[in-house]
Amino acid sequence: MAALERLIDIARRDTGQSQRVADFLLAWWNATSCGGFDLVDFWSVDAEIADDMLVVIGLIRESRAYPDTLGTPVHEAFKELVNIWRPQLANE
């Protein structure tokens, strides 16, 4: 969960890497409405960030669940990311 927490913190910022991390996380939340994740974006983030993304892919595989099932803090963080990066979806 530490890798997920670090990625959420990065996605809250306003940088190019933050946008890529947000795209990655929101694709897990709902790829249909939030958009997918371009795997080429792994090349556009620092190695440490890419490593955390790979850890989260393992978490997704193991949990077989959406992020909102991982507890209220994670659910609230993802809703915040929707507000930041996909404001048009915030009221849906």
PDB file of N, CA and C in Angstrom:
ATOM      1  N   MET A   1       0.816  -1.200   0.000  1.00  0.00           N
ATOM      2  CA  MET A   1       0.000   0.000   0.000  1.00  0.00           C
ATOM      3  C   MET A   1       0.860   1.265   0.000  1.00  0.00           C
ATOM      4  N   ALA A   2       2.110   1.145   0.425  1.00  0.00           N
ATOM      5  CA  ALA A   2       2.975   2.323   0.447  1.00  0.00           C
ATOM      6  C   ALA A   2       3.178   2.869  -0.963  1.00  0.00           C
ATOM      7  N   ALA A   3       3.342   1.980  -1.937  1.00  0.00           N
ATOM      8  CA  ALA A   3       3.517   2.421  -3.326  1.00  0.00           C
ATOM      9  C   ALA A   3       2.273   3.151  -3.807  1.00  0.00           C
ATOM     10  N   LEU A   4       1.103   2.640  -3.471  1.00  0.00           N
ATOM     11  CA  LEU A   4      -0.146   3.294  -3.862  1.00  0.00           C
ATOM     12  C   LEU A   4      -0.253   4.667  -3.215  1.00  0.00           C
ATOM     13  N   GLU A   5       0.094   4.768  -1.947  1.00  0.00           N
ATOM     14  CA  GLU A   5       0.042   6.062  -1.258  1.00  0.00           C
ATOM     15  C   GLU A   5       0.988   7.066  -1.900  1.00  0.00           C
ATOM     16  N   ARG A   6       2.193   6.612  -2.267  1.00  0.00           N
ATOM     17  CA  ARG A   6       3.137   7.521  -2.932  1.00  0.00           C
ATOM     18  C   ARG A   6       2.585   7.994  -4.270  1.00  0.00           C
ATOM     19  N   LEU A   7       1.984   7.086  -5.028  1.00  0.00           N
ATOM     20  CA  LEU A   7       1.421   7.471  -6.327  1.00  0.00           C
ATOM     21  C   LEU A   7       0.263   8.443  -6.162  1.00  0.00           C
ATOM     22  N   ILE A   8      -0.575   8.226  -5.178  1.00  0.00           N
ATOM     23  CA  ILE A   8      -1.680   9.160  -4.929  1.00  0.00           C
ATOM     24  C   ILE A   8      -1.127  10.541  -4.611  1.00  0.00           C
ATOM     25  N   ASP A   9      -0.088  10.606  -3.777  1.00  0.00           N
ATOM     26  CA  ASP A   9       0.522  11.903  -3.453  1.00  0.00           C
ATOM     27  C   ASP A   9       1.073  12.581  -4.704  1.00  0.00           C
ATOM     28  N   ILE A  10       1.717  11.825  -5.574  1.00  0.00           N
ATOM     29  CA  ILE A  10       2.252  12.388  -6.822  1.00  0.00           C
ATOM     30  C   ILE A  10       1.114  12.874  -7.709  1.00  0.00           C
ATOM     31  N   ALA A  11       0.050  12.090  -7.809  1.00  0.00           N
ATOM     32  CA  ALA A  11      -1.076  12.442  -8.688  1.00  0.00           C
ATOM     33  C   ALA A  11      -1.806  13.694  -8.225  1.00  0.00           C
ATOM     34  N   ARG A  12      -1.655  14.072  -6.988  1.00  0.00           N
ATOM     35  CA  ARG A  12      -2.298  15.295  -6.468  1.00  0.00           C
ATOM     36  C   ARG A  12      -1.569  16.559  -6.925  1.00  0.00           C
ATOM     37  N   ARG A  13      -0.378  16.425  -7.445  1.00  0.00           N
ATOM     38  CA  ARG A  13       0.420  17.586  -7.856  1.00  0.00           C
ATOM     39  C   ARG A  13       0.054  18.009  -9.276  1.00  0.00           C
ATOM     40  N   ASP A  14       0.714  19.057  -9.735  1.00  0.00           N
ATOM     41  CA  ASP A  14       0.430  19.602 -11.062  1.00  0.00           C
ATOM     42  C   ASP A  14       1.695  19.562 -11.919  1.00  0.00           C
ATOM     43  N   THR A  15       2.082  18.348 -12.323  1.00  0.00           N
ATOM     44  CA  THR A  15       3.249  18.175 -13.189  1.00  0.00           C
ATOM     45  C   THR A  15       2.892  17.179 -14.286  1.00  0.00           C
ATOM     46  N   GLY A  16       3.756  17.068 -15.265  1.00  0.00           N
ATOM     47  CA  GLY A  16       3.536  16.087 -16.325  1.00  0.00           C
ATOM     48  C   GLY A  16       3.542  14.664 -15.790  1.00  0.00           C
ATOM     49  N   GLN A  17       4.467  14.387 -14.871  1.00  0.00           N
ATOM     50  CA  GLN A  17       4.496  13.055 -14.263  1.00  0.00           C
ATOM     51  C   GLN A  17       3.234  12.810 -13.445  1.00  0.00           C
ATOM     52  N   SER A  18       2.760  13.842 -12.767  1.00  0.00           N
ATOM     53  CA  SER A  18       1.534  13.708 -11.970  1.00  0.00           C
ATOM     54  C   SER A  18       0.351  13.341 -12.847  1.00  0.00           C
ATOM     55  N   GLN A  19       0.265  13.958 -14.002  1.00  0.00           N
ATOM     56  CA  GLN A  19      -0.836  13.642 -14.914  1.00  0.00           C
ATOM     57  C   GLN A  19      -0.755  12.190 -15.374  1.00  0.00           C
ATOM     58  N   ARG A  20       0.437  11.725 -15.665  1.00  0.00           N
ATOM     59  CA  ARG A  20       0.597  10.331 -16.101  1.00  0.00           C
ATOM     60  C   ARG A  20       0.236   9.354 -14.978  1.00  0.00           C
ATOM     61  N   VAL A  21       0.644   9.687 -13.760  1.00  0.00           N
ATOM     62  CA  VAL A  21       0.296   8.841 -12.617  1.00  0.00           C
ATOM     63  C   VAL A  21      -1.213   8.866 -12.393  1.00  0.00           C
ATOM     64  N   ALA A  22      -1.815  10.038 -12.500  1.00  0.00           N
ATOM     65  CA  ALA A  22      -3.273  10.136 -12.348  1.00  0.00           C
ATOM     66  C   ALA A  22      -3.976   9.319 -13.424  1.00  0.00           C
ATOM     67  N   ASP A  23      -3.505   9.392 -14.654  1.00  0.00           N
ATOM     68  CA  ASP A  23      -4.106   8.590 -15.731  1.00  0.00           C
ATOM     69  C   ASP A  23      -4.035   7.100 -15.397  1.00  0.00           C
ATOM     70  N   PHE A  24      -2.899   6.672 -14.875  1.00  0.00           N
ATOM     71  CA  PHE A  24      -2.712   5.271 -14.487  1.00  0.00           C
ATOM     72  C   PHE A  24      -3.713   4.870 -13.404  1.00  0.00           C
ATOM     73  N   LEU A  25      -3.784   5.672 -12.351  1.00  0.00           N
ATOM     74  CA  LEU A  25      -4.677   5.343 -11.238  1.00  0.00           C
ATOM     75  C   LEU A  25      -6.144   5.410 -11.654  1.00  0.00           C
ATOM     76  N   LEU A  26      -6.503   6.433 -12.411  1.00  0.00           N
ATOM     77  CA  LEU A  26      -7.908   6.587 -12.800  1.00  0.00           C
ATOM     78  C   LEU A  26      -8.338   5.539 -13.820  1.00  0.00           C
ATOM     79  N   ALA A  27      -7.398   4.995 -14.579  1.00  0.00           N
ATOM     80  CA  ALA A  27      -7.739   3.883 -15.474  1.00  0.00           C
ATOM     81  C   ALA A  27      -8.167   2.665 -14.656  1.00  0.00           C
ATOM     82  N   TRP A  28      -7.578   2.504 -13.479  1.00  0.00           N
ATOM     83  CA  TRP A  28      -7.986   1.429 -12.574  1.00  0.00           C
ATOM     84  C   TRP A  28      -9.359   1.732 -11.979  1.00  0.00           C
ATOM     85  N   TRP A  29      -9.581   2.975 -11.633  1.00  0.00           N
ATOM     86  CA  TRP A  29     -10.862   3.402 -11.042  1.00  0.00           C
ATOM     87  C   TRP A  29     -12.010   3.133 -12.002  1.00  0.00           C
ATOM     88  N   ASN A  30     -11.870   3.619 -13.252  1.00  0.00           N
ATOM     89  CA  ASN A  30     -12.912   3.397 -14.255  1.00  0.00           C
ATOM     90  C   ASN A  30     -12.359   3.793 -15.622  1.00  0.00           C
ATOM     91  N   ALA A  31     -11.808   2.844 -16.328  1.00  0.00           N
ATOM     92  CA  ALA A  31     -11.182   3.130 -17.622  1.00  0.00           C
ATOM     93  C   ALA A  31     -12.183   3.612 -18.654  1.00  0.00           C
ATOM     94  N   THR A  32     -13.426   3.191 -18.544  1.00  0.00           N
ATOM     95  CA  THR A  32     -14.436   3.603 -19.515  1.00  0.00           C
ATOM     96  C   THR A  32     -14.700   5.096 -19.426  1.00  0.00           C
ATOM     97  N   SER A  33     -14.917   5.611 -18.234  1.00  0.00           N
ATOM     98  CA  SER A  33     -15.239   7.033 -18.106  1.00  0.00           C
ATOM     99  C   SER A  33     -14.005   7.903 -17.901  1.00  0.00           C
ATOM    100  N   CYS A  34     -12.974   7.384 -17.250  1.00  0.00           N
ATOM    101  CA  CYS A  34     -11.791   8.199 -16.949  1.00  0.00           C
ATOM    102  C   CYS A  34     -10.702   8.091 -18.004  1.00  0.00           C
ATOM    103  N   GLY A  35     -10.829   7.141 -18.903  1.00  0.00           N
ATOM    104  CA  GLY A  35      -9.814   6.955 -19.930  1.00  0.00           C
ATOM    105  C   GLY A  35      -8.815   5.891 -19.523  1.00  0.00           C
ATOM    106  N   GLY A  36      -8.136   5.381 -20.504  1.00  0.00           N
ATOM    107  CA  GLY A  36      -7.157   4.333 -20.271  1.00  0.00           C
ATOM    108  C   GLY A  36      -5.795   4.900 -19.932  1.00  0.00           C
ATOM    109  N   PHE A  37      -4.827   4.018 -19.873  1.00  0.00           N
ATOM    110  CA  PHE A  37      -3.450   4.390 -19.581  1.00  0.00           C
ATOM    111  C   PHE A  37      -2.571   3.916 -20.724  1.00  0.00           C
ATOM    112  N   ASP A  38      -1.796   4.836 -21.281  1.00  0.00           N
ATOM    113  CA  ASP A  38      -0.871   4.513 -22.367  1.00  0.00           C
ATOM    114  C   ASP A  38       0.402   3.927 -21.758  1.00  0.00           C
ATOM    115  N   LEU A  39       0.691   2.680 -22.058  1.00  0.00           N
ATOM    116  CA  LEU A  39       1.861   2.021 -21.480  1.00  0.00           C
ATOM    117  C   LEU A  39       3.169   2.732 -21.810  1.00  0.00           C
ATOM    118  N   VAL A  40       3.203   3.475 -22.886  1.00  0.00           N
ATOM    119  CA  VAL A  40       4.394   4.246 -23.239  1.00  0.00           C
ATOM    120  C   VAL A  40       4.703   5.283 -22.156  1.00  0.00           C
ATOM    121  N   ASP A  41       3.695   5.667 -21.385  1.00  0.00           N
ATOM    122  CA  ASP A  41       3.924   6.632 -20.308  1.00  0.00           C
ATOM    123  C   ASP A  41       4.870   6.103 -19.234  1.00  0.00           C
ATOM    124  N   PHE A  42       5.098   4.791 -19.178  1.00  0.00           N
ATOM    125  CA  PHE A  42       6.116   4.267 -18.266  1.00  0.00           C
ATOM    126  C   PHE A  42       7.480   4.870 -18.580  1.00  0.00           C
ATOM    127  N   TRP A  43       7.723   5.223 -19.840  1.00  0.00           N
ATOM    128  CA  TRP A  43       8.994   5.815 -20.238  1.00  0.00           C
ATOM    129  C   TRP A  43       9.095   7.275 -19.827  1.00  0.00           C
ATOM    130  N   SER A  44       7.971   7.884 -19.496  1.00  0.00           N
ATOM    131  CA  SER A  44       7.924   9.324 -19.245  1.00  0.00           C
ATOM    132  C   SER A  44       7.920   9.683 -17.765  1.00  0.00           C
ATOM    133  N   VAL A  45       8.061   8.688 -16.912  1.00  0.00           N
ATOM    134  CA  VAL A  45       8.114   8.959 -15.476  1.00  0.00           C
ATOM    135  C   VAL A  45       9.447   8.456 -14.932  1.00  0.00           C
ATOM    136  N   ASP A  46       9.843   9.006 -13.796  1.00  0.00           N
ATOM    137  CA  ASP A  46      11.074   8.555 -13.155  1.00  0.00           C
ATOM    138  C   ASP A  46      10.992   7.062 -12.846  1.00  0.00           C
ATOM    139  N   ALA A  47      12.149   6.424 -12.789  1.00  0.00           N
ATOM    140  CA  ALA A  47      12.208   4.980 -12.548  1.00  0.00           C
ATOM    141  C   ALA A  47      11.514   4.588 -11.245  1.00  0.00           C
ATOM    142  N   GLU A  48      11.675   5.404 -10.210  1.00  0.00           N
ATOM    143  CA  GLU A  48      11.048   5.088  -8.921  1.00  0.00           C
ATOM    144  C   GLU A  48       9.529   5.105  -9.032  1.00  0.00           C
ATOM    145  N   ILE A  49       9.008   6.038  -9.808  1.00  0.00           N
ATOM    146  CA  ILE A  49       7.559   6.122 -10.012  1.00  0.00           C
ATOM    147  C   ILE A  49       7.085   4.916 -10.814  1.00  0.00           C
ATOM    148  N   ALA A  50       7.809   4.579 -11.866  1.00  0.00           N
ATOM    149  CA  ALA A  50       7.444   3.404 -12.667  1.00  0.00           C
ATOM    150  C   ALA A  50       7.475   2.140 -11.813  1.00  0.00           C
ATOM    151  N   ASP A  51       8.462   2.038 -10.931  1.00  0.00           N
ATOM    152  CA  ASP A  51       8.529   0.875 -10.038  1.00  0.00           C
ATOM    153  C   ASP A  51       7.295   0.808  -9.143  1.00  0.00           C
ATOM    154  N   ASP A  52       6.877   1.951  -8.594  1.00  0.00           N
ATOM    155  CA  ASP A  52       5.666   1.976  -7.767  1.00  0.00           C
ATOM    156  C   ASP A  52       4.435   1.595  -8.589  1.00  0.00           C
ATOM    157  N   MET A  53       4.388   2.030  -9.830  1.00  0.00           N
ATOM    158  CA  MET A  53       3.263   1.667 -10.693  1.00  0.00           C
ATOM    159  C   MET A  53       3.216   0.154 -10.901  1.00  0.00           C
ATOM    160  N   LEU A  54       4.380  -0.454 -11.076  1.00  0.00           N
ATOM    161  CA  LEU A  54       4.428  -1.908 -11.248  1.00  0.00           C
ATOM    162  C   LEU A  54       3.991  -2.631  -9.978  1.00  0.00           C
ATOM    163  N   VAL A  55       4.356  -2.091  -8.823  1.00  0.00           N
ATOM    164  CA  VAL A  55       3.893  -2.675  -7.557  1.00  0.00           C
ATOM    165  C   VAL A  55       2.374  -2.598  -7.477  1.00  0.00           C
ATOM    166  N   VAL A  56       1.807  -1.472  -7.887  1.00  0.00           N
ATOM    167  CA  VAL A  56       0.347  -1.318  -7.848  1.00  0.00           C
ATOM    168  C   VAL A  56      -0.319  -2.269  -8.843  1.00  0.00           C
ATOM    169  N   ILE A  57       0.302  -2.511  -9.979  1.00  0.00           N
ATOM    170  CA  ILE A  57      -0.250  -3.514 -10.902  1.00  0.00           C
ATOM    171  C   ILE A  57      -0.331  -4.870 -10.198  1.00  0.00           C
ATOM    172  N   GLY A  58       0.686  -5.208  -9.420  1.00  0.00           N
ATOM    173  CA  GLY A  58       0.643  -6.441  -8.639  1.00  0.00           C
ATOM    174  C   GLY A  58      -0.480  -6.424  -7.614  1.00  0.00           C
ATOM    175  N   LEU A  59      -0.686  -5.285  -6.969  1.00  0.00           N
ATOM    176  CA  LEU A  59      -1.786  -5.137  -6.008  1.00  0.00           C
ATOM    177  C   LEU A  59      -3.133  -5.338  -6.695  1.00  0.00           C
ATOM    178  N   ILE A  60      -3.274  -4.764  -7.874  1.00  0.00           N
ATOM    179  CA  ILE A  60      -4.523  -4.907  -8.635  1.00  0.00           C
ATOM    180  C   ILE A  60      -4.755  -6.377  -8.973  1.00  0.00           C
ATOM    181  N   ARG A  61      -3.707  -7.044  -9.407  1.00  0.00           N
ATOM    182  CA  ARG A  61      -3.834  -8.459  -9.764  1.00  0.00           C
ATOM    183  C   ARG A  61      -4.204  -9.305  -8.552  1.00  0.00           C
ATOM    184  N   GLU A  62      -3.555  -9.038  -7.427  1.00  0.00           N
ATOM    185  CA  GLU A  62      -3.812  -9.831  -6.225  1.00  0.00           C
ATOM    186  C   GLU A  62      -5.177  -9.539  -5.613  1.00  0.00           C
ATOM    187  N   SER A  63      -5.563  -8.272  -5.583  1.00  0.00           N
ATOM    188  CA  SER A  63      -6.825  -7.901  -4.923  1.00  0.00           C
ATOM    189  C   SER A  63      -8.037  -8.199  -5.796  1.00  0.00           C
ATOM    190  N   ARG A  64      -7.832  -8.162  -7.118  1.00  0.00           N
ATOM    191  CA  ARG A  64      -8.938  -8.359  -8.060  1.00  0.00           C
ATOM    192  C   ARG A  64     -10.118  -7.456  -7.697  1.00  0.00           C
ATOM    193  N   ALA A  65      -9.774  -6.200  -7.403  1.00  0.00           N
ATOM    194  CA  ALA A  65     -10.795  -5.275  -6.917  1.00  0.00           C
ATOM    195  C   ALA A  65     -10.494  -3.861  -7.385  1.00  0.00           C
ATOM    196  N   TYR A  66     -11.531  -3.052  -7.363  1.00  0.00           N
ATOM    197  CA  TYR A  66     -11.381  -1.631  -7.655  1.00  0.00           C
ATOM    198  C   TYR A  66     -10.838  -0.923  -6.420  1.00  0.00           C
ATOM    199  N   PRO A  67     -10.230   0.239  -6.601  1.00  0.00           N
ATOM    200  CA  PRO A  67      -9.593   0.906  -5.464  1.00  0.00           C
ATOM    201  C   PRO A  67     -10.555   1.298  -4.344  1.00  0.00           C
ATOM    202  N   ASP A  68     -11.824   1.535  -4.665  1.00  0.00           N
ATOM    203  CA  ASP A  68     -12.758   1.953  -3.615  1.00  0.00           C
ATOM    204  C   ASP A  68     -13.025   0.850  -2.599  1.00  0.00           C
ATOM    205  N   THR A  69     -12.634  -0.385  -2.904  1.00  0.00           N
ATOM    206  CA  THR A  69     -12.822  -1.484  -1.955  1.00  0.00           C
ATOM    207  C   THR A  69     -11.643  -1.619  -0.992  1.00  0.00           C
ATOM    208  N   LEU A  70     -10.620  -0.792  -1.157  1.00  0.00           N
ATOM    209  CA  LEU A  70      -9.424  -0.876  -0.318  1.00  0.00           C
ATOM    210  C   LEU A  70      -9.517  -0.017   0.931  1.00  0.00           C
ATOM    211  N   GLY A  71     -10.677   0.549   1.190  1.00  0.00           N
ATOM    212  CA  GLY A  71     -10.879   1.353   2.392  1.00  0.00           C
ATOM    213  C   GLY A  71     -11.264   2.777   2.064  1.00  0.00           C
ATOM    214  N   THR A  72     -11.857   3.419   3.046  1.00  0.00           N
ATOM    215  CA  THR A  72     -12.360   4.779   2.869  1.00  0.00           C
ATOM    216  C   THR A  72     -11.278   5.776   2.471  1.00  0.00           C
ATOM    217  N   PRO A  73     -10.086   5.772   3.097  1.00  0.00           N
ATOM    218  CA  PRO A  73      -9.068   6.760   2.693  1.00  0.00           C
ATOM    219  C   PRO A  73      -8.681   6.646   1.215  1.00  0.00           C
ATOM    220  N   VAL A  74      -8.551   5.429   0.723  1.00  0.00           N
ATOM    221  CA  VAL A  74      -8.209   5.234  -0.690  1.00  0.00           C
ATOM    222  C   VAL A  74      -9.370   5.686  -1.563  1.00  0.00           C
ATOM    223  N   HIS A  75     -10.575   5.321  -1.184  1.00  0.00           N
ATOM    224  CA  HIS A  75     -11.762   5.729  -1.942  1.00  0.00           C
ATOM    225  C   HIS A  75     -11.842   7.253  -2.019  1.00  0.00           C
ATOM    226  N   GLU A  76     -11.667   7.924  -0.893  1.00  0.00           N
ATOM    227  CA  GLU A  76     -11.713   9.389  -0.865  1.00  0.00           C
ATOM    228  C   GLU A  76     -10.597   9.990  -1.716  1.00  0.00           C
ATOM    229  N   ALA A  77      -9.415   9.400  -1.674  1.00  0.00           N
ATOM    230  CA  ALA A  77      -8.294   9.906  -2.473  1.00  0.00           C
ATOM    231  C   ALA A  77      -8.595   9.802  -3.961  1.00  0.00           C
ATOM    232  N   PHE A  78      -9.209   8.707  -4.385  1.00  0.00           N
ATOM    233  CA  PHE A  78      -9.544   8.551  -5.802  1.00  0.00           C
ATOM    234  C   PHE A  78     -10.630   9.543  -6.216  1.00  0.00           C
ATOM    235  N   LYS A  79     -11.587   9.804  -5.349  1.00  0.00           N
ATOM    236  CA  LYS A  79     -12.599  10.820  -5.674  1.00  0.00           C
ATOM    237  C   LYS A  79     -11.943  12.193  -5.813  1.00  0.00           C
ATOM    238  N   GLU A  80     -10.951  12.463  -4.973  1.00  0.00           N
ATOM    239  CA  GLU A  80     -10.207  13.717  -5.083  1.00  0.00           C
ATOM    240  C   GLU A  80      -9.474  13.795  -6.420  1.00  0.00           C
ATOM    241  N   LEU A  81      -8.873  12.687  -6.847  1.00  0.00           N
ATOM    242  CA  LEU A  81      -8.168  12.681  -8.133  1.00  0.00           C
ATOM    243  C   LEU A  81      -9.126  12.909  -9.292  1.00  0.00           C
ATOM    244  N   VAL A  82     -10.321  12.360  -9.204  1.00  0.00           N
ATOM    245  CA  VAL A  82     -11.333  12.635 -10.236  1.00  0.00           C
ATOM    246  C   VAL A  82     -11.628  14.129 -10.263  1.00  0.00           C
ATOM    247  N   ASN A  83     -11.791  14.744  -9.094  1.00  0.00           N
ATOM    248  CA  ASN A  83     -12.067  16.185  -9.037  1.00  0.00           C
ATOM    249  C   ASN A  83     -10.940  17.003  -9.649  1.00  0.00           C
ATOM    250  N   ILE A  84      -9.707  16.581  -9.420  1.00  0.00           N
ATOM    251  CA  ILE A  84      -8.545  17.314  -9.930  1.00  0.00           C
ATOM    252  C   ILE A  84      -8.378  17.119 -11.436  1.00  0.00           C
ATOM    253  N   TRP A  85      -8.391  15.857 -11.880  1.00  0.00           N
ATOM    254  CA  TRP A  85      -8.004  15.531 -13.249  1.00  0.00           C
ATOM    255  C   TRP A  85      -9.161  15.299 -14.210  1.00  0.00           C
ATOM    256  N   ARG A  86     -10.337  14.977 -13.692  1.00  0.00           N
ATOM    257  CA  ARG A  86     -11.514  14.747 -14.538  1.00  0.00           C
ATOM    258  C   ARG A  86     -12.709  15.491 -13.946  1.00  0.00           C
ATOM    259  N   PRO A  87     -12.599  16.810 -13.796  1.00  0.00           N
ATOM    260  CA  PRO A  87     -13.665  17.563 -13.110  1.00  0.00           C
ATOM    261  C   PRO A  87     -15.032  17.404 -13.768  1.00  0.00           C
ATOM    262  N   GLN A  88     -15.065  17.128 -15.056  1.00  0.00           N
ATOM    263  CA  GLN A  88     -16.338  16.946 -15.744  1.00  0.00           C
ATOM    264  C   GLN A  88     -17.076  15.706 -15.242  1.00  0.00           C
ATOM    265  N   LEU A  89     -16.368  14.797 -14.574  1.00  0.00           N
ATOM    266  CA  LEU A  89     -16.977  13.567 -14.058  1.00  0.00           C
ATOM    267  C   LEU A  89     -17.308  13.656 -12.569  1.00  0.00           C
ATOM    268  N   ALA A  90     -16.932  14.741 -11.933  1.00  0.00           N
ATOM    269  CA  ALA A  90     -17.029  14.838 -10.474  1.00  0.00           C
ATOM    270  C   ALA A  90     -18.448  14.707  -9.947  1.00  0.00           C
ATOM    271  N   ASN A  91     -19.422  15.125 -10.684  1.00  0.00           N
ATOM    272  CA  ASN A  91     -20.799  15.102 -10.190  1.00  0.00           C
ATOM    273  C   ASN A  91     -21.603  13.922 -10.705  1.00  0.00           C
ATOM    274  N   GLU A  92     -20.945  13.000 -11.361  1.00  0.00           N
ATOM    275  CA  GLU A  92     -21.668  11.837 -11.908  1.00  0.00           C
ATOM    276  C   GLU A  92     -21.809  10.750 -10.873  1.00  0.00           C
TER     277      GLU A  92
END
